[in-house]
């Protein structure tokens, strides 16, 4: 009676095969460098505390968090191994660069900033 094509039941497959793969990059997206730099400035100035990153639903009850990489770890040993890793060192090196400002973006786009009097 049917070849299985065009099924509309609950077990039918999606017509767009690459949808799930295309959504993985969005679901696993980490925070951008400028967002992490702003959070680190907030912690240093006292606007936000480091305890704000504790999340009961995160691995290890949110006790072991790497702020530069924005990742939770199960235990202190895992966090220590992560801190010694190449990926963490690369992220810290990126965070050491000065923040990119809106004035810098405007200058790069060729916009002239009007001086307010």
PDB file of N, CA and C in Angstrom:
ATOM      1  N   UNK A   1       0.797  -1.181   0.000  1.00  0.00           N
ATOM      2  CA  UNK A   1       0.000   0.000   0.000  1.00  0.00           C
ATOM      3  C   UNK A   1       0.847   1.255   0.000  1.00  0.00           C
ATOM      4  N   UNK A   2       1.911   1.225   0.722  1.00  0.00           N
ATOM      5  CA  UNK A   2       2.742   2.408   0.745  1.00  0.00           C
ATOM      6  C   UNK A   2       4.212   2.025   0.776  1.00  0.00           C
ATOM      7  N   UNK A   3       5.037   2.937   0.375  1.00  0.00           N
ATOM      8  CA  UNK A   3       6.472   2.676   0.354  1.00  0.00           C
ATOM      9  C   UNK A   3       7.154   3.294   1.564  1.00  0.00           C
ATOM     10  N   UNK A   4       6.385   3.952   2.415  1.00  0.00           N
ATOM     11  CA  UNK A   4       6.976   4.585   3.581  1.00  0.00           C
ATOM     12  C   UNK A   4       7.290   6.049   3.353  1.00  0.00           C
ATOM     13  N   UNK A   5       7.159   6.507   2.147  1.00  0.00           N
ATOM     14  CA  UNK A   5       7.442   7.907   1.842  1.00  0.00           C
ATOM     15  C   UNK A   5       6.213   8.758   2.121  1.00  0.00           C
ATOM     16  N   UNK A   6       6.450   9.948   2.610  1.00  0.00           N
ATOM     17  CA  UNK A   6       5.358  10.874   2.819  1.00  0.00           C
ATOM     18  C   UNK A   6       4.570  10.604   4.084  1.00  0.00           C
ATOM     19  N   UNK A   7       5.094   9.817   4.962  1.00  0.00           N
ATOM     20  CA  UNK A   7       4.408   9.501   6.197  1.00  0.00           C
ATOM     21  C   UNK A   7       4.292  10.745   7.057  1.00  0.00           C
ATOM     22  N   UNK A   8       3.164  10.914   7.696  1.00  0.00           N
ATOM     23  CA  UNK A   8       2.962  12.080   8.550  1.00  0.00           C
ATOM     24  C   UNK A   8       2.769  11.680  10.005  1.00  0.00           C
ATOM     25  N   UNK A   9       2.989  10.445  10.322  1.00  0.00           N
ATOM     26  CA  UNK A   9       2.791   9.962  11.684  1.00  0.00           C
ATOM     27  C   UNK A   9       3.881  10.437  12.630  1.00  0.00           C
ATOM     28  N   UNK A  10       3.786  10.031  13.892  1.00  0.00           N
ATOM     29  CA  UNK A  10       4.764  10.482  14.893  1.00  0.00           C
ATOM     30  C   UNK A  10       6.160   9.928  14.659  1.00  0.00           C
ATOM     31  N   UNK A  11       6.299   8.870  13.875  1.00  0.00           N
ATOM     32  CA  UNK A  11       7.621   8.290  13.632  1.00  0.00           C
ATOM     33  C   UNK A  11       8.228   8.755  12.313  1.00  0.00           C
ATOM     34  N   UNK A  12       7.603   9.737  11.673  1.00  0.00           N
ATOM     35  CA  UNK A  12       8.140  10.215  10.400  1.00  0.00           C
ATOM     36  C   UNK A  12       9.420  10.996  10.636  1.00  0.00           C
ATOM     37  N   UNK A  13      10.315  10.931   9.689  1.00  0.00           N
ATOM     38  CA  UNK A  13      11.590  11.615   9.794  1.00  0.00           C
ATOM     39  C   UNK A  13      11.476  13.009   9.197  1.00  0.00           C
ATOM     40  N   UNK A  14      12.331  13.865   9.638  1.00  0.00           N
ATOM     41  CA  UNK A  14      12.330  15.232   9.135  1.00  0.00           C
ATOM     42  C   UNK A  14      12.753  15.248   7.679  1.00  0.00           C
ATOM     43  N   UNK A  15      12.155  16.144   6.930  1.00  0.00           N
ATOM     44  CA  UNK A  15      12.520  16.276   5.530  1.00  0.00           C
ATOM     45  C   UNK A  15      13.900  16.894   5.373  1.00  0.00           C
ATOM     46  N   UNK A  16      14.255  17.746   6.312  1.00  0.00           N
ATOM     47  CA  UNK A  16      15.542  18.428   6.236  1.00  0.00           C
ATOM     48  C   UNK A  16      16.563  17.634   7.051  1.00  0.00           C
ATOM     49  N   UNK A  17      17.387  16.873   6.373  1.00  0.00           N
ATOM     50  CA  UNK A  17      18.301  15.952   7.044  1.00  0.00           C
ATOM     51  C   UNK A  17      19.394  16.663   7.833  1.00  0.00           C
ATOM     52  N   UNK A  18      19.864  17.810   7.356  1.00  0.00           N
ATOM     53  CA  UNK A  18      20.967  18.489   8.020  1.00  0.00           C
ATOM     54  C   UNK A  18      20.549  19.424   9.129  1.00  0.00           C
ATOM     55  N   UNK A  19      19.271  19.430   9.513  1.00  0.00           N
ATOM     56  CA  UNK A  19      18.796  20.376  10.525  1.00  0.00           C
ATOM     57  C   UNK A  19      19.465  20.150  11.871  1.00  0.00           C
ATOM     58  N   UNK A  20      19.522  18.904  12.297  1.00  0.00           N
ATOM     59  CA  UNK A  20      20.091  18.617  13.609  1.00  0.00           C
ATOM     60  C   UNK A  20      21.577  18.982  13.656  1.00  0.00           C
ATOM     61  N   UNK A  21      22.313  18.667  12.594  1.00  0.00           N
ATOM     62  CA  UNK A  21      23.738  19.007  12.549  1.00  0.00           C
ATOM     63  C   UNK A  21      23.945  20.515  12.522  1.00  0.00           C
ATOM     64  N   UNK A  22      23.071  21.226  11.833  1.00  0.00           N
ATOM     65  CA  UNK A  22      23.238  22.670  11.749  1.00  0.00           C
ATOM     66  C   UNK A  22      22.940  23.343  13.081  1.00  0.00           C
ATOM     67  N   UNK A  23      22.131  22.734  13.920  1.00  0.00           N
ATOM     68  CA  UNK A  23      21.780  23.331  15.205  1.00  0.00           C
ATOM     69  C   UNK A  23      22.840  23.064  16.282  1.00  0.00           C
ATOM     70  N   UNK A  24      23.747  22.124  16.068  1.00  0.00           N
ATOM     71  CA  UNK A  24      24.758  21.809  17.070  1.00  0.00           C
ATOM     72  C   UNK A  24      25.669  22.996  17.345  1.00  0.00           C
ATOM     73  N   UNK A  25      26.005  23.761  16.329  1.00  0.00           N
ATOM     74  CA  UNK A  25      26.894  24.898  16.540  1.00  0.00           C
ATOM     75  C   UNK A  25      26.218  25.978  17.373  1.00  0.00           C
ATOM     76  N   UNK A  26      24.917  26.080  17.294  1.00  0.00           N
ATOM     77  CA  UNK A  26      24.190  27.072  18.080  1.00  0.00           C
ATOM     78  C   UNK A  26      24.025  26.593  19.516  1.00  0.00           C
ATOM     79  N   UNK A  27      23.739  25.313  19.697  1.00  0.00           N
ATOM     80  CA  UNK A  27      23.498  24.782  21.033  1.00  0.00           C
ATOM     81  C   UNK A  27      24.772  24.750  21.865  1.00  0.00           C
ATOM     82  N   UNK A  28      25.902  24.498  21.264  1.00  0.00           N
ATOM     83  CA  UNK A  28      27.155  24.372  22.001  1.00  0.00           C
ATOM     84  C   UNK A  28      28.007  25.631  21.938  1.00  0.00           C
ATOM     85  N   UNK A  29      27.420  26.738  21.594  1.00  0.00           N
ATOM     86  CA  UNK A  29      28.161  27.976  21.438  1.00  0.00           C
ATOM     87  C   UNK A  29      28.615  28.490  22.789  1.00  0.00           C
ATOM     88  N   UNK A  30      29.882  28.840  22.882  1.00  0.00           N
ATOM     89  CA  UNK A  30      30.401  29.394  24.131  1.00  0.00           C
ATOM     90  C   UNK A  30      30.308  30.911  24.082  1.00  0.00           C
ATOM     91  N   UNK A  31      30.608  31.535  25.200  1.00  0.00           N
ATOM     92  CA  UNK A  31      30.525  32.996  25.269  1.00  0.00           C
ATOM     93  C   UNK A  31      31.635  33.628  24.438  1.00  0.00           C
ATOM     94  N   UNK A  32      31.360  34.803  23.929  1.00  0.00           N
ATOM     95  CA  UNK A  32      32.346  35.528  23.140  1.00  0.00           C
ATOM     96  C   UNK A  32      33.391  36.167  24.058  1.00  0.00           C
ATOM     97  N   UNK A  33      34.530  36.510  23.470  1.00  0.00           N
ATOM     98  CA  UNK A  33      35.650  37.061  24.226  1.00  0.00           C
ATOM     99  C   UNK A  33      35.267  38.374  24.915  1.00  0.00           C
ATOM    100  N   UNK A  34      34.544  39.245  24.226  1.00  0.00           N
ATOM    101  CA  UNK A  34      34.195  40.526  24.837  1.00  0.00           C
ATOM    102  C   UNK A  34      33.224  40.365  25.999  1.00  0.00           C
ATOM    103  N   UNK A  35      32.349  39.371  25.942  1.00  0.00           N
ATOM    104  CA  UNK A  35      31.438  39.108  27.049  1.00  0.00           C
ATOM    105  C   UNK A  35      32.206  38.614  28.276  1.00  0.00           C
ATOM    106  N   UNK A  36      33.178  37.737  28.058  1.00  0.00           N
ATOM    107  CA  UNK A  36      33.970  37.219  29.171  1.00  0.00           C
ATOM    108  C   UNK A  36      34.833  38.323  29.765  1.00  0.00           C
ATOM    109  N   UNK A  37      35.408  39.182  28.912  1.00  0.00           N
ATOM    110  CA  UNK A  37      36.208  40.296  29.420  1.00  0.00           C
ATOM    111  C   UNK A  37      35.361  41.223  30.291  1.00  0.00           C
ATOM    112  N   UNK A  38      34.123  41.482  29.891  1.00  0.00           N
ATOM    113  CA  UNK A  38      33.247  42.338  30.675  1.00  0.00           C
ATOM    114  C   UNK A  38      32.904  41.688  32.013  1.00  0.00           C
ATOM    115  N   UNK A  39      32.663  40.383  32.017  1.00  0.00           N
ATOM    116  CA  UNK A  39      32.368  39.690  33.272  1.00  0.00           C
ATOM    117  C   UNK A  39      33.572  39.708  34.211  1.00  0.00           C
ATOM    118  N   UNK A  40      34.778  39.539  33.645  1.00  0.00           N
ATOM    119  CA  UNK A  40      35.973  39.575  34.478  1.00  0.00           C
ATOM    120  C   UNK A  40      36.179  40.966  35.072  1.00  0.00           C
ATOM    121  N   UNK A  41      35.859  42.002  34.302  1.00  0.00           N
ATOM    122  CA  UNK A  41      35.934  43.366  34.840  1.00  0.00           C
ATOM    123  C   UNK A  41      34.909  43.580  35.950  1.00  0.00           C
ATOM    124  N   UNK A  42      33.708  43.018  35.781  1.00  0.00           N
ATOM    125  CA  UNK A  42      32.678  43.137  36.808  1.00  0.00           C
ATOM    126  C   UNK A  42      33.090  42.449  38.106  1.00  0.00           C
ATOM    127  N   UNK A  43      33.748  41.304  37.988  1.00  0.00           N
ATOM    128  CA  UNK A  43      34.205  40.585  39.183  1.00  0.00           C
ATOM    129  C   UNK A  43      35.320  41.357  39.865  1.00  0.00           C
ATOM    130  N   UNK A  44      36.254  41.898  39.079  1.00  0.00           N
ATOM    131  CA  UNK A  44      37.381  42.641  39.654  1.00  0.00           C
ATOM    132  C   UNK A  44      36.918  43.929  40.337  1.00  0.00           C
ATOM    133  N   UNK A  45      35.892  44.585  39.785  1.00  0.00           N
ATOM    134  CA  UNK A  45      35.423  45.839  40.372  1.00  0.00           C
ATOM    135  C   UNK A  45      34.430  45.615  41.505  1.00  0.00           C
ATOM    136  N   UNK A  46      33.963  44.392  41.692  1.00  0.00           N
ATOM    137  CA  UNK A  46      33.052  44.096  42.786  1.00  0.00           C
ATOM    138  C   UNK A  46      31.591  44.209  42.416  1.00  0.00           C
ATOM    139  N   UNK A  47      31.279  44.456  41.161  1.00  0.00           N
ATOM    140  CA  UNK A  47      29.881  44.547  40.727  1.00  0.00           C
ATOM    141  C   UNK A  47      29.222  43.172  40.807  1.00  0.00           C
ATOM    142  N   UNK A  48      29.985  42.149  40.484  1.00  0.00           N
ATOM    143  CA  UNK A  48      29.479  40.779  40.496  1.00  0.00           C
ATOM    144  C   UNK A  48      30.462  39.904  41.258  1.00  0.00           C
ATOM    145  N   UNK A  49      29.944  38.943  42.011  1.00  0.00           N
ATOM    146  CA  UNK A  49      30.843  38.067  42.765  1.00  0.00           C
ATOM    147  C   UNK A  49      31.096  36.780  41.985  1.00  0.00           C
ATOM    148  N   UNK A  50      32.175  36.111  42.318  1.00  0.00           N
ATOM    149  CA  UNK A  50      32.512  34.853  41.643  1.00  0.00           C
ATOM    150  C   UNK A  50      31.540  33.748  42.039  1.00  0.00           C
ATOM    151  N   UNK A  51      30.837  33.920  43.164  1.00  0.00           N
ATOM    152  CA  UNK A  51      29.851  32.922  43.587  1.00  0.00           C
ATOM    153  C   UNK A  51      28.602  32.937  42.718  1.00  0.00           C
ATOM    154  N   UNK A  52      28.450  33.931  41.865  1.00  0.00           N
ATOM    155  CA  UNK A  52      27.282  34.020  40.997  1.00  0.00           C
ATOM    156  C   UNK A  52      27.274  32.908  39.955  1.00  0.00           C
ATOM    157  N   UNK A  53      28.393  32.250  39.756  1.00  0.00           N
ATOM    158  CA  UNK A  53      28.492  31.194  38.746  1.00  0.00           C
ATOM    159  C   UNK A  53      28.129  29.825  39.292  1.00  0.00           C
ATOM    160  N   UNK A  54      27.795  29.750  40.544  1.00  0.00           N
ATOM    161  CA  UNK A  54      27.401  28.456  41.117  1.00  0.00           C
ATOM    162  C   UNK A  54      26.002  28.107  40.641  1.00  0.00           C
ATOM    163  N   UNK A  55      25.889  26.953  40.040  1.00  0.00           N
ATOM    164  CA  UNK A  55      24.616  26.489  39.506  1.00  0.00           C
ATOM    165  C   UNK A  55      24.424  25.053  39.969  1.00  0.00           C
ATOM    166  N   UNK A  56      23.336  24.796  40.668  1.00  0.00           N
ATOM    167  CA  UNK A  56      23.087  23.460  41.214  1.00  0.00           C
ATOM    168  C   UNK A  56      22.905  22.409  40.110  1.00  0.00           C
ATOM    169  N   UNK A  57      22.447  22.817  38.957  1.00  0.00           N
ATOM    170  CA  UNK A  57      22.204  21.874  37.865  1.00  0.00           C
ATOM    171  C   UNK A  57      23.454  21.597  37.035  1.00  0.00           C
ATOM    172  N   UNK A  58      24.507  22.382  37.211  1.00  0.00           N
ATOM    173  CA  UNK A  58      25.740  22.211  36.447  1.00  0.00           C
ATOM    174  C   UNK A  58      26.547  21.038  37.017  1.00  0.00           C
ATOM    175  N   UNK A  59      27.493  20.519  36.254  1.00  0.00           N
ATOM    176  CA  UNK A  59      28.338  19.429  36.761  1.00  0.00           C
ATOM    177  C   UNK A  59      29.081  19.839  38.029  1.00  0.00           C
ATOM    178  N   UNK A  60      29.136  18.932  39.003  1.00  0.00           N
ATOM    179  CA  UNK A  60      29.818  19.211  40.262  1.00  0.00           C
ATOM    180  C   UNK A  60      29.094  20.255  41.083  1.00  0.00           C
ATOM    181  N   UNK A  61      27.793  20.392  40.885  1.00  0.00           N
ATOM    182  CA  UNK A  61      26.953  21.377  41.576  1.00  0.00           C
ATOM    183  C   UNK A  61      27.457  22.795  41.351  1.00  0.00           C
ATOM    184  N   UNK A  62      28.186  23.018  40.270  1.00  0.00           N
ATOM    185  CA  UNK A  62      28.620  24.360  39.904  1.00  0.00           C
ATOM    186  C   UNK A  62      29.730  24.925  40.767  1.00  0.00           C
ATOM    187  N   UNK A  63      30.430  24.079  41.509  1.00  0.00           N
ATOM    188  CA  UNK A  63      31.474  24.568  42.412  1.00  0.00           C
ATOM    189  C   UNK A  63      32.788  24.827  41.698  1.00  0.00           C
ATOM    190  N   UNK A  64      33.026  24.156  40.601  1.00  0.00           N
ATOM    191  CA  UNK A  64      34.306  24.270  39.894  1.00  0.00           C
ATOM    192  C   UNK A  64      34.040  24.887  38.523  1.00  0.00           C
ATOM    193  N   UNK A  65      34.294  26.190  38.406  1.00  0.00           N
ATOM    194  CA  UNK A  65      33.971  26.936  37.194  1.00  0.00           C
ATOM    195  C   UNK A  65      35.207  27.665  36.698  1.00  0.00           C
ATOM    196  N   UNK A  66      35.472  27.571  35.412  1.00  0.00           N
ATOM    197  CA  UNK A  66      36.581  28.296  34.785  1.00  0.00           C
ATOM    198  C   UNK A  66      35.989  29.531  34.117  1.00  0.00           C
ATOM    199  N   UNK A  67      36.259  30.704  34.680  1.00  0.00           N
ATOM    200  CA  UNK A  67      35.666  31.946  34.171  1.00  0.00           C
ATOM    201  C   UNK A  67      36.168  32.276  32.765  1.00  0.00           C
ATOM    202  N   UNK A  68      37.473  32.188  32.462  1.00  0.00           N
ATOM    203  CA  UNK A  68      37.908  32.523  31.100  1.00  0.00           C
ATOM    204  C   UNK A  68      37.290  31.640  30.019  1.00  0.00           C
ATOM    205  N   UNK A  69      37.069  30.378  30.311  1.00  0.00           N
ATOM    206  CA  UNK A  69      36.515  29.464  29.309  1.00  0.00           C
ATOM    207  C   UNK A  69      35.004  29.309  29.436  1.00  0.00           C
ATOM    208  N   UNK A  70      34.431  29.803  30.535  1.00  0.00           N
ATOM    209  CA  UNK A  70      33.006  29.725  30.797  1.00  0.00           C
ATOM    210  C   UNK A  70      32.522  28.271  30.786  1.00  0.00           C
ATOM    211  N   UNK A  71      33.217  27.424  31.573  1.00  0.00           N
ATOM    212  CA  UNK A  71      32.897  26.000  31.644  1.00  0.00           C
ATOM    213  C   UNK A  71      32.847  25.530  33.083  1.00  0.00           C
ATOM    214  N   UNK A  72      31.928  24.593  33.363  1.00  0.00           N
ATOM    215  CA  UNK A  72      31.820  23.956  34.670  1.00  0.00           C
ATOM    216  C   UNK A  72      32.539  22.618  34.620  1.00  0.00           C
ATOM    217  N   UNK A  73      33.129  22.212  35.758  1.00  0.00           N
ATOM    218  CA  UNK A  73      33.815  20.929  35.844  1.00  0.00           C
ATOM    219  C   UNK A  73      33.310  20.152  37.048  1.00  0.00           C
ATOM    220  N   UNK A  74      33.441  18.832  36.989  1.00  0.00           N
ATOM    221  CA  UNK A  74      32.914  17.961  38.033  1.00  0.00           C
ATOM    222  C   UNK A  74      33.697  18.106  39.325  1.00  0.00           C
ATOM    223  N   UNK A  75      35.025  18.129  39.236  1.00  0.00           N
ATOM    224  CA  UNK A  75      35.837  18.193  40.439  1.00  0.00           C
ATOM    225  C   UNK A  75      37.015  19.137  40.301  1.00  0.00           C
ATOM    226  N   UNK A  76      37.703  19.314  41.419  1.00  0.00           N
ATOM    227  CA  UNK A  76      38.856  20.212  41.434  1.00  0.00           C
ATOM    228  C   UNK A  76      39.996  19.662  40.580  1.00  0.00           C
ATOM    229  N   UNK A  77      40.141  18.342  40.526  1.00  0.00           N
ATOM    230  CA  UNK A  77      41.178  17.731  39.698  1.00  0.00           C
ATOM    231  C   UNK A  77      40.947  17.978  38.220  1.00  0.00           C
ATOM    232  N   UNK A  78      39.685  17.900  37.819  1.00  0.00           N
ATOM    233  CA  UNK A  78      39.350  18.172  36.417  1.00  0.00           C
ATOM    234  C   UNK A  78      39.614  19.629  36.068  1.00  0.00           C
ATOM    235  N   UNK A  79      39.296  20.521  36.990  1.00  0.00           N
ATOM    236  CA  UNK A  79      39.555  21.942  36.759  1.00  0.00           C
ATOM    237  C   UNK A  79      41.054  22.209  36.677  1.00  0.00           C
ATOM    238  N   UNK A  80      41.834  21.566  37.549  1.00  0.00           N
ATOM    239  CA  UNK A  80      43.285  21.751  37.524  1.00  0.00           C
ATOM    240  C   UNK A  80      43.880  21.227  36.213  1.00  0.00           C
ATOM    241  N   UNK A  81      43.362  20.102  35.723  1.00  0.00           N
ATOM    242  CA  UNK A  81      43.838  19.558  34.446  1.00  0.00           C
ATOM    243  C   UNK A  81      43.456  20.486  33.299  1.00  0.00           C
ATOM    244  N   UNK A  82      42.288  21.094  33.403  1.00  0.00           N
ATOM    245  CA  UNK A  82      41.855  22.027  32.361  1.00  0.00           C
ATOM    246  C   UNK A  82      42.724  23.284  32.345  1.00  0.00           C
ATOM    247  N   UNK A  83      43.063  23.789  33.518  1.00  0.00           N
ATOM    248  CA  UNK A  83      43.884  25.002  33.612  1.00  0.00           C
ATOM    249  C   UNK A  83      45.258  24.774  32.980  1.00  0.00           C
ATOM    250  N   UNK A  84      45.751  23.548  33.047  1.00  0.00           N
ATOM    251  CA  UNK A  84      47.051  23.226  32.464  1.00  0.00           C
ATOM    252  C   UNK A  84      46.963  22.897  30.976  1.00  0.00           C
ATOM    253  N   UNK A  85      45.748  22.885  30.417  1.00  0.00           N
ATOM    254  CA  UNK A  85      45.582  22.475  29.023  1.00  0.00           C
ATOM    255  C   UNK A  85      45.900  23.601  28.046  1.00  0.00           C
ATOM    256  N   UNK A  86      46.128  23.207  26.809  1.00  0.00           N
ATOM    257  CA  UNK A  86      46.482  24.140  25.749  1.00  0.00           C
ATOM    258  C   UNK A  86      45.303  25.061  25.395  1.00  0.00           C
ATOM    259  N   UNK A  87      44.103  24.511  25.400  1.00  0.00           N
ATOM    260  CA  UNK A  87      42.926  25.310  25.069  1.00  0.00           C
ATOM    261  C   UNK A  87      42.692  26.440  26.060  1.00  0.00           C
ATOM    262  N   UNK A  88      42.901  26.159  27.345  1.00  0.00           N
ATOM    263  CA  UNK A  88      42.733  27.189  28.377  1.00  0.00           C
ATOM    264  C   UNK A  88      43.793  28.279  28.208  1.00  0.00           C
ATOM    265  N   UNK A  89      45.013  27.876  27.939  1.00  0.00           N
ATOM    266  CA  UNK A  89      46.089  28.867  27.775  1.00  0.00           C
ATOM    267  C   UNK A  89      45.821  29.769  26.562  1.00  0.00           C
ATOM    268  N   UNK A  90      45.272  29.202  25.484  1.00  0.00           N
ATOM    269  CA  UNK A  90      44.929  30.004  24.315  1.00  0.00           C
ATOM    270  C   UNK A  90      43.843  31.020  24.648  1.00  0.00           C
ATOM    271  N   UNK A  91      42.838  30.596  25.430  1.00  0.00           N
ATOM    272  CA  UNK A  91      41.744  31.485  25.795  1.00  0.00           C
ATOM    273  C   UNK A  91      42.240  32.624  26.683  1.00  0.00           C
ATOM    274  N   UNK A  92      43.126  32.315  27.622  1.00  0.00           N
ATOM    275  CA  UNK A  92      43.679  33.348  28.504  1.00  0.00           C
ATOM    276  C   UNK A  92      44.503  34.344  27.700  1.00  0.00           C
ATOM    277  N   UNK A  93      45.216  33.861  26.690  1.00  0.00           N
ATOM    278  CA  UNK A  93      46.005  34.745  25.841  1.00  0.00           C
ATOM    279  C   UNK A  93      45.095  35.686  25.052  1.00  0.00           C
ATOM    280  N   UNK A  94      43.959  35.177  24.560  1.00  0.00           N
ATOM    281  CA  UNK A  94      43.003  36.024  23.858  1.00  0.00           C
ATOM    282  C   UNK A  94      42.389  37.072  24.786  1.00  0.00           C
ATOM    283  N   UNK A  95      42.139  36.679  26.030  1.00  0.00           N
ATOM    284  CA  UNK A  95      41.538  37.602  26.992  1.00  0.00           C
ATOM    285  C   UNK A  95      42.510  38.680  27.442  1.00  0.00           C
ATOM    286  N   UNK A  96      43.809  38.468  27.263  1.00  0.00           N
ATOM    287  CA  UNK A  96      44.808  39.454  27.673  1.00  0.00           C
ATOM    288  C   UNK A  96      44.854  40.639  26.713  1.00  0.00           C
ATOM    289  N   UNK A  97      44.286  40.491  25.531  1.00  0.00           N
ATOM    290  CA  UNK A  97      44.261  41.588  24.574  1.00  0.00           C
ATOM    291  C   UNK A  97      43.294  42.665  25.057  1.00  0.00           C
ATOM    292  N   UNK A  98      43.533  43.924  24.660  1.00  0.00           N
ATOM    293  CA  UNK A  98      42.620  44.989  25.086  1.00  0.00           C
ATOM    294  C   UNK A  98      41.226  44.805  24.472  1.00  0.00           C
ATOM    295  N   UNK A  99      40.225  45.300  25.191  1.00  0.00           N
ATOM    296  CA  UNK A  99      38.846  45.168  24.734  1.00  0.00           C
ATOM    297  C   UNK A  99      38.610  45.998  23.470  1.00  0.00           C
ATOM    298  N   UNK A 100      37.770  45.500  22.627  1.00  0.00           N
ATOM    299  CA  UNK A 100      37.393  46.175  21.388  1.00  0.00           C
ATOM    300  C   UNK A 100      36.236  47.109  21.712  1.00  0.00           C
ATOM    301  N   UNK A 101      36.384  48.390  21.466  1.00  0.00           N
ATOM    302  CA  UNK A 101      35.371  49.368  21.851  1.00  0.00           C
ATOM    303  C   UNK A 101      34.532  49.796  20.651  1.00  0.00           C
ATOM    304  N   UNK A 102      33.427  50.452  20.934  1.00  0.00           N
ATOM    305  CA  UNK A 102      32.555  50.939  19.873  1.00  0.00           C
ATOM    306  C   UNK A 102      33.233  52.051  19.076  1.00  0.00           C
ATOM    307  N   UNK A 103      34.020  52.891  19.747  1.00  0.00           N
ATOM    308  CA  UNK A 103      34.746  53.959  19.051  1.00  0.00           C
ATOM    309  C   UNK A 103      35.737  53.373  18.048  1.00  0.00           C
ATOM    310  N   UNK A 104      36.370  52.271  18.426  1.00  0.00           N
ATOM    311  CA  UNK A 104      37.310  51.595  17.529  1.00  0.00           C
ATOM    312  C   UNK A 104      36.576  51.008  16.324  1.00  0.00           C
ATOM    313  N   UNK A 105      35.386  50.473  16.551  1.00  0.00           N
ATOM    314  CA  UNK A 105      34.592  49.918  15.464  1.00  0.00           C
ATOM    315  C   UNK A 105      34.140  51.016  14.502  1.00  0.00           C
ATOM    316  N   UNK A 106      33.729  52.163  15.056  1.00  0.00           N
ATOM    317  CA  UNK A 106      33.319  53.276  14.209  1.00  0.00           C
ATOM    318  C   UNK A 106      34.483  53.801  13.369  1.00  0.00           C
ATOM    319  N   UNK A 107      35.648  53.876  13.967  1.00  0.00           N
ATOM    320  CA  UNK A 107      36.832  54.345  13.243  1.00  0.00           C
ATOM    321  C   UNK A 107      37.200  53.374  12.132  1.00  0.00           C
ATOM    322  N   UNK A 108      37.043  52.076  12.387  1.00  0.00           N
ATOM    323  CA  UNK A 108      37.345  51.080  11.372  1.00  0.00           C
ATOM    324  C   UNK A 108      36.366  51.115  10.213  1.00  0.00           C
ATOM    325  N   UNK A 109      35.124  51.537  10.492  1.00  0.00           N
ATOM    326  CA  UNK A 109      34.104  51.621   9.448  1.00  0.00           C
ATOM    327  C   UNK A 109      34.187  52.922   8.680  1.00  0.00           C
ATOM    328  N   UNK A 110      35.045  53.844   9.121  1.00  0.00           N
ATOM    329  CA  UNK A 110      35.203  55.114   8.428  1.00  0.00           C
ATOM    330  C   UNK A 110      34.229  56.184   8.884  1.00  0.00           C
ATOM    331  N   UNK A 111      33.567  55.932  10.014  1.00  0.00           N
ATOM    332  CA  UNK A 111      32.635  56.919  10.533  1.00  0.00           C
ATOM    333  C   UNK A 111      33.393  57.941  11.381  1.00  0.00           C
ATOM    334  N   UNK A 112      33.015  59.168  11.243  1.00  0.00           N
ATOM    335  CA  UNK A 112      33.638  60.199  12.067  1.00  0.00           C
ATOM    336  C   UNK A 112      32.744  60.442  13.269  1.00  0.00           C
ATOM    337  N   UNK A 113      33.352  60.490  14.408  1.00  0.00           N
ATOM    338  CA  UNK A 113      32.616  60.702  15.634  1.00  0.00           C
ATOM    339  C   UNK A 113      32.540  62.200  15.879  1.00  0.00           C
ATOM    340  N   UNK A 114      31.323  62.713  16.045  1.00  0.00           N
ATOM    341  CA  UNK A 114      31.149  64.147  16.303  1.00  0.00           C
ATOM    342  C   UNK A 114      31.548  64.457  17.738  1.00  0.00           C
ATOM    343  N   UNK A 115      32.273  65.525  17.915  1.00  0.00           N
ATOM    344  CA  UNK A 115      32.703  65.927  19.248  1.00  0.00           C
ATOM    345  C   UNK A 115      31.584  66.754  19.865  1.00  0.00           C
ATOM    346  N   UNK A 116      31.143  66.309  21.038  1.00  0.00           N
ATOM    347  CA  UNK A 116      30.068  67.020  21.734  1.00  0.00           C
ATOM    348  C   UNK A 116      30.637  68.160  22.550  1.00  0.00           C
ATOM    349  N   UNK A 117      29.950  69.271  22.502  1.00  0.00           N
ATOM    350  CA  UNK A 117      30.404  70.450  23.254  1.00  0.00           C
ATOM    351  C   UNK A 117      29.535  70.705  24.429  1.00  0.00           C
TER     352      UNK A 117
END
